Amino acid sequence: MADDLVTLRLDGEVTIVKLSAALDGFCAVLAALHENRGANVRWVLAGLDYGSAAATAEAVPLDSDAERHIPAMCDDYLQAARQVARGDIDPGRPLLRAVRELTEIADESTPVVFETVDDEVIFVAPAASPASGSQVEQQQQTTKSLGAVRGRVEMVSQRTTLRFSIYELVYDKVVTCFPHPDHKDVMREAWGRVADVTGTITRDVATGRPISIRQVTRVDVVDEGEPDGYLKARGALKAVEPAEHVVRQIRDAG
């Protein structure tokens, strides 16, 4: 069931120290989630990916009343992240406070992503504190647009949902992609190869670096040519004299 899962993802360069702090913060957010609804649940690990340091937690109900609250709790997870991103941080609400504290580890090299199956909220910098009043700045951390990104497909996972990671060729950073389930066969062929991935791209506003691609519509494998293909260029220019003699004559004439 997809509506009982929440994911915390760290993109970019992830140190062990940051990972440890992120998991501690994730635990605090999960505790605040079920306290917010008064639901009796146990959070269990449903997925752990190292490609972009993603941890997925599944809400297991401990009574019949808790079961009906789980979809709303997972929605609360994303809504709380959106509120914090807008700068709407009420210190009297434990869930918002826990989300805000978790964003403290976010920076351009390690974005922090709050993710569900349907959507995600990305922080490339800590959320503004209530006293700073930087709501506009918080709204402009990332931007979304349709487009394509070229990168090498390094990791494919379908444990909780079909996703794959590419190392984008310009910045050499991980970009997490969410293809349609029908693309499963294409992904098998694309693994380890360079591909153009088309979809809705989330980018860091400050640098333009792509962070994730959702609603992927196309995955086109790029023909990289033969490894020794450059050798076929030898002798492309026909001449009576050896090439080194021609080059020497041109040099001397100059």
Protein backbone atom coordinates (compact mmCIF):
# COMPACT_ATOMS: atom_id res chain seq x y z
CA MET A 1 0.00 0.00 0.00
CA ALA A 2 1.57 3.28 -1.15
CA ASP A 3 -0.28 5.59 1.23
CA ASP A 4 1.44 4.15 4.32
CA LEU A 5 4.99 5.09 3.26
CA VAL A 6 7.10 8.19 3.84
CA THR A 7 10.69 8.70 2.70
CA LEU A 8 13.55 10.91 3.76
CA ARG A 9 16.21 11.34 1.09
CA LEU A 10 19.60 13.02 1.15
CA ASP A 11 20.95 13.86 -2.29
CA GLY A 12 24.42 14.89 -3.34
CA GLU A 13 27.44 14.30 -1.15
CA VAL A 14 26.32 12.47 2.01
CA THR A 15 28.73 12.16 4.91
CA ILE A 16 28.20 9.65 7.71
CA VAL A 17 27.79 12.52 10.18
CA LYS A 18 24.99 14.05 8.10
CA LEU A 19 23.33 10.67 7.60
CA SER A 20 23.34 10.03 11.35
CA ALA A 21 21.86 13.47 12.07
CA ALA A 22 19.24 13.00 9.34
CA LEU A 23 18.06 9.64 10.71
CA ASP A 24 17.78 11.11 14.21
CA GLY A 25 15.72 13.96 12.80
CA PHE A 26 13.60 11.55 10.75
CA CYS A 27 12.77 9.59 13.93
CA ALA A 28 11.66 12.83 15.61
CA VAL A 29 9.41 13.70 12.66
CA LEU A 30 7.83 10.21 12.64
CA ALA A 31 7.17 10.42 16.38
CA ALA A 32 5.52 13.82 15.91
CA LEU A 33 3.38 12.44 13.07
CA HIS A 34 1.56 9.84 15.11
CA GLU A 35 1.33 12.16 18.14
CA ASN A 36 -0.27 14.78 15.88
CA ARG A 37 -3.09 12.35 15.02
CA GLY A 38 -3.10 10.40 18.28
CA ALA A 39 -2.68 7.21 16.24
CA ASN A 40 -1.10 4.08 17.70
CA VAL A 41 1.37 2.98 15.02
CA ARG A 42 4.84 1.51 14.75
CA TRP A 43 7.22 2.78 12.08
CA VAL A 44 9.30 0.06 10.41
CA LEU A 45 12.01 0.32 7.79
CA ALA A 46 10.56 -0.51 4.37
CA GLY A 47 13.45 0.58 2.14
CA LEU A 48 17.05 1.74 2.42
CA ASP A 49 18.92 2.93 -0.69
CA TYR A 50 22.51 4.11 -0.63
CA GLY A 51 22.50 5.72 -4.08
CA SER A 52 20.94 8.89 -2.71
CA ALA A 53 20.76 7.87 0.98
CA ALA A 54 17.00 7.30 1.04
CA ALA A 55 15.21 5.74 4.01
CA THR A 56 11.55 4.72 3.65
CA ALA A 57 9.37 4.10 6.71
CA GLU A 58 6.11 2.16 6.71
CA ALA A 59 3.36 2.88 9.25
CA VAL A 60 2.11 -0.37 10.82
CA PRO A 61 -1.18 0.08 12.72
CA LEU A 62 -1.37 -1.37 16.21
CA ASP A 63 -5.16 -1.12 16.42
CA SER A 64 -8.12 -0.67 14.07
CA ASP A 65 -8.49 3.01 14.88
CA ALA A 66 -4.89 3.75 13.89
CA GLU A 67 -5.33 2.10 10.49
CA ARG A 68 -7.77 4.73 9.29
CA HIS A 69 -5.40 7.54 10.31
CA ILE A 70 -2.36 6.31 8.39
CA PRO A 71 -3.10 7.87 4.95
CA ALA A 72 -3.75 11.22 6.65
CA MET A 73 -0.50 10.91 8.62
CA CYS A 74 1.50 10.39 5.44
CA ASP A 75 -0.22 13.40 3.91
CA ASP A 76 0.63 15.40 7.05
CA TYR A 77 4.30 14.53 6.45
CA LEU A 78 4.34 16.28 3.08
CA GLN A 79 2.05 19.13 4.12
CA ALA A 80 4.24 19.92 7.12
CA ALA A 81 7.30 20.10 4.86
CA ARG A 82 5.44 22.46 2.51
CA GLN A 83 4.44 24.73 5.41
CA VAL A 84 8.01 24.88 6.69
CA ALA A 85 9.27 25.62 3.17
CA ARG A 86 6.88 28.59 3.04
CA GLY A 87 8.27 29.87 6.34
CA ASP A 88 5.05 28.99 8.19
CA ILE A 89 6.72 27.60 11.31
CA ASP A 90 4.66 27.55 14.50
CA PRO A 91 7.03 26.59 17.35
CA GLY A 92 3.98 25.42 19.30
CA ARG A 93 3.40 22.59 16.82
CA PRO A 94 5.84 19.70 17.44
CA LEU A 95 5.56 18.35 13.88
CA LEU A 96 6.54 21.65 12.25
CA ARG A 97 9.31 22.14 14.76
CA ALA A 98 10.73 18.66 14.06
CA VAL A 99 10.64 19.22 10.29
CA ARG A 100 12.32 22.61 10.70
CA GLU A 101 15.12 21.11 12.82
CA LEU A 102 15.69 18.33 10.29
CA THR A 103 16.28 20.90 7.53
CA GLU A 104 19.29 22.23 9.48
CA ILE A 105 21.56 19.76 7.68
CA ALA A 106 20.45 20.86 4.21
CA ASP A 107 22.87 22.71 1.95
CA GLU A 108 23.71 22.87 -1.76
CA SER A 109 25.94 19.80 -1.56
CA THR A 110 23.36 17.75 0.40
CA PRO A 111 19.70 18.65 -0.29
CA VAL A 112 17.15 17.20 2.16
CA VAL A 113 14.05 15.74 0.53
CA PHE A 114 10.72 14.88 2.19
CA GLU A 115 9.08 12.41 -0.14
CA THR A 116 5.91 10.36 -0.61
CA VAL A 117 4.83 8.33 -3.63
CA ASP A 118 2.91 11.34 -4.98
CA ASP A 119 5.27 14.27 -4.48
CA GLU A 120 8.28 15.69 -2.67
CA VAL A 121 9.54 18.84 -0.94
CA ILE A 122 13.23 19.68 -1.34
CA PHE A 123 15.37 21.88 0.89
CA VAL A 124 18.75 23.05 -0.45
CA ALA A 125 19.26 25.26 2.62
CA PRO A 126 17.86 25.27 6.18
CA ALA A 127 14.32 26.55 6.47
CA ALA A 128 14.10 30.09 7.79
CA SER A 129 13.42 30.47 11.49
CA PRO A 130 10.12 32.16 12.48
CA ALA A 131 12.00 35.31 13.49
CA SER A 132 13.76 35.75 10.15
CA GLY A 133 10.64 36.38 8.08
CA SER A 134 12.30 34.96 4.94
CA GLN A 135 9.16 33.41 3.47
CA VAL A 136 9.87 34.53 -0.09
CA GLU A 137 13.38 33.12 0.08
CA GLN A 138 12.06 29.79 1.26
CA GLN A 139 9.62 29.55 -1.63
CA GLN A 140 12.44 30.07 -4.15
CA GLN A 141 14.83 27.33 -3.06
CA THR A 142 13.78 25.11 -5.99
CA THR A 143 11.88 25.44 -9.22
CA LYS A 144 10.12 22.92 -11.49
CA SER A 145 9.96 22.78 -15.28
CA LEU A 146 9.56 20.30 -18.10
CA GLY A 147 12.76 19.23 -19.80
CA ALA A 148 15.44 16.59 -20.19
CA VAL A 149 18.62 15.74 -18.30
CA ARG A 150 21.48 13.61 -19.61
CA GLY A 151 23.34 11.33 -17.23
CA ARG A 152 24.63 7.84 -16.62
CA VAL A 153 22.12 5.44 -15.04
CA GLU A 154 23.81 4.06 -11.93
CA MET A 155 21.07 2.57 -9.74
CA VAL A 156 17.59 1.11 -10.30
CA SER A 157 15.23 0.23 -7.44
CA GLN A 158 11.66 -1.05 -7.33
CA ARG A 159 11.36 -2.03 -3.67
CA THR A 160 8.69 0.52 -2.71
CA THR A 161 8.29 2.36 -5.99
CA LEU A 162 10.12 2.28 -9.31
CA ARG A 163 12.96 4.79 -9.25
CA PHE A 164 16.46 5.14 -10.60
CA SER A 165 19.43 7.44 -10.14
CA ILE A 166 21.57 9.08 -12.78
CA TYR A 167 24.86 10.91 -12.43
CA GLU A 168 24.18 14.09 -14.36
CA LEU A 169 27.06 14.83 -16.74
CA VAL A 170 27.48 18.57 -16.12
CA TYR A 171 27.57 18.65 -12.31
CA ASP A 172 28.43 14.96 -11.75
CA LYS A 173 25.79 14.76 -9.01
CA VAL A 174 23.04 12.22 -8.36
CA VAL A 175 19.59 13.00 -9.78
CA THR A 176 16.74 10.79 -8.54
CA CYS A 177 14.18 9.89 -11.23
CA PHE A 178 10.67 8.45 -10.95
CA PRO A 179 9.62 6.67 -14.16
CA HIS A 180 6.26 5.15 -15.02
CA PRO A 181 6.03 1.42 -14.16
CA ASP A 182 5.77 0.69 -17.89
CA HIS A 183 9.40 1.84 -18.23
CA LYS A 184 10.72 -1.15 -16.27
CA ASP A 185 12.06 -2.96 -19.34
CA VAL A 186 13.64 0.23 -20.66
CA MET A 187 15.44 0.72 -17.35
CA ARG A 188 16.98 -2.74 -17.54
CA GLU A 189 18.45 -1.81 -20.92
CA ALA A 190 19.59 1.63 -19.71
CA TRP A 191 21.43 0.51 -16.57
CA GLY A 192 25.07 1.61 -16.69
CA ARG A 193 24.57 3.63 -19.87
CA VAL A 194 24.15 7.32 -20.65
CA ALA A 195 20.52 8.31 -21.19
CA ASP A 196 18.37 11.40 -21.75
CA VAL A 197 15.60 11.47 -19.12
CA THR A 198 12.56 13.65 -19.92
CA GLY A 199 10.04 14.75 -17.30
CA THR A 200 9.29 17.37 -14.65
CA ILE A 201 12.70 18.54 -13.37
CA THR A 202 13.21 20.06 -9.93
CA ARG A 203 16.26 22.34 -9.90
CA ASP A 204 18.18 24.33 -7.34
CA VAL A 205 17.28 27.95 -8.11
CA ALA A 206 20.72 29.27 -7.14
CA THR A 207 22.81 26.93 -9.31
CA GLY A 208 20.36 25.44 -11.80
CA ARG A 209 21.51 21.96 -10.81
CA PRO A 210 18.85 19.26 -11.35
CA ILE A 211 17.87 17.42 -8.15
CA SER A 212 15.05 15.10 -9.20
CA ILE A 213 12.85 14.21 -12.17
CA ARG A 214 9.21 13.18 -11.66
CA GLN A 215 6.51 12.21 -14.18
CA VAL A 216 9.23 10.76 -16.41
CA THR A 217 7.82 10.37 -19.93
CA ARG A 218 10.89 9.22 -21.86
CA VAL A 219 14.19 7.48 -21.17
CA ASP A 220 16.32 7.52 -24.33
CA VAL A 221 19.62 5.63 -24.25
CA VAL A 222 22.40 7.61 -25.91
CA ASP A 223 24.66 5.90 -28.45
CA GLU A 224 28.14 6.49 -27.05
CA GLY A 225 29.87 4.94 -30.06
CA GLU A 226 32.58 2.31 -30.04
CA PRO A 227 35.30 2.65 -27.36
CA ASP A 228 38.06 2.59 -30.03
CA GLY A 229 36.05 4.43 -32.65
CA TYR A 230 38.53 7.31 -32.76
CA LEU A 231 41.06 4.98 -34.36
CA LYS A 232 38.96 4.87 -37.52
CA ALA A 233 39.85 8.52 -38.10
CA ARG A 234 43.40 7.54 -38.99
CA GLY A 235 44.07 8.07 -42.66
CA ALA A 236 40.91 10.04 -43.25
CA LEU A 237 42.98 12.65 -45.13
CA LYS A 238 44.62 11.00 -48.13
CA ALA A 239 48.06 12.32 -49.10
CA VAL A 240 51.16 11.02 -50.85
CA GLU A 241 53.52 12.10 -48.08
CA PRO A 242 53.31 10.80 -44.50
CA ALA A 243 51.25 12.98 -42.18
CA GLU A 244 54.26 13.92 -40.02
CA HIS A 245 56.03 15.36 -43.08
CA VAL A 246 53.01 17.47 -44.01
CA VAL A 247 52.71 18.77 -40.46
CA ARG A 248 56.45 19.64 -40.41
CA GLN A 249 56.14 21.53 -43.72
CA ILE A 250 53.17 23.56 -42.42
CA ARG A 251 55.08 24.36 -39.23
CA ASP A 252 58.21 25.45 -41.10
CA ALA A 253 56.21 27.56 -43.51
CA GLY A 254 54.66 29.43 -40.58
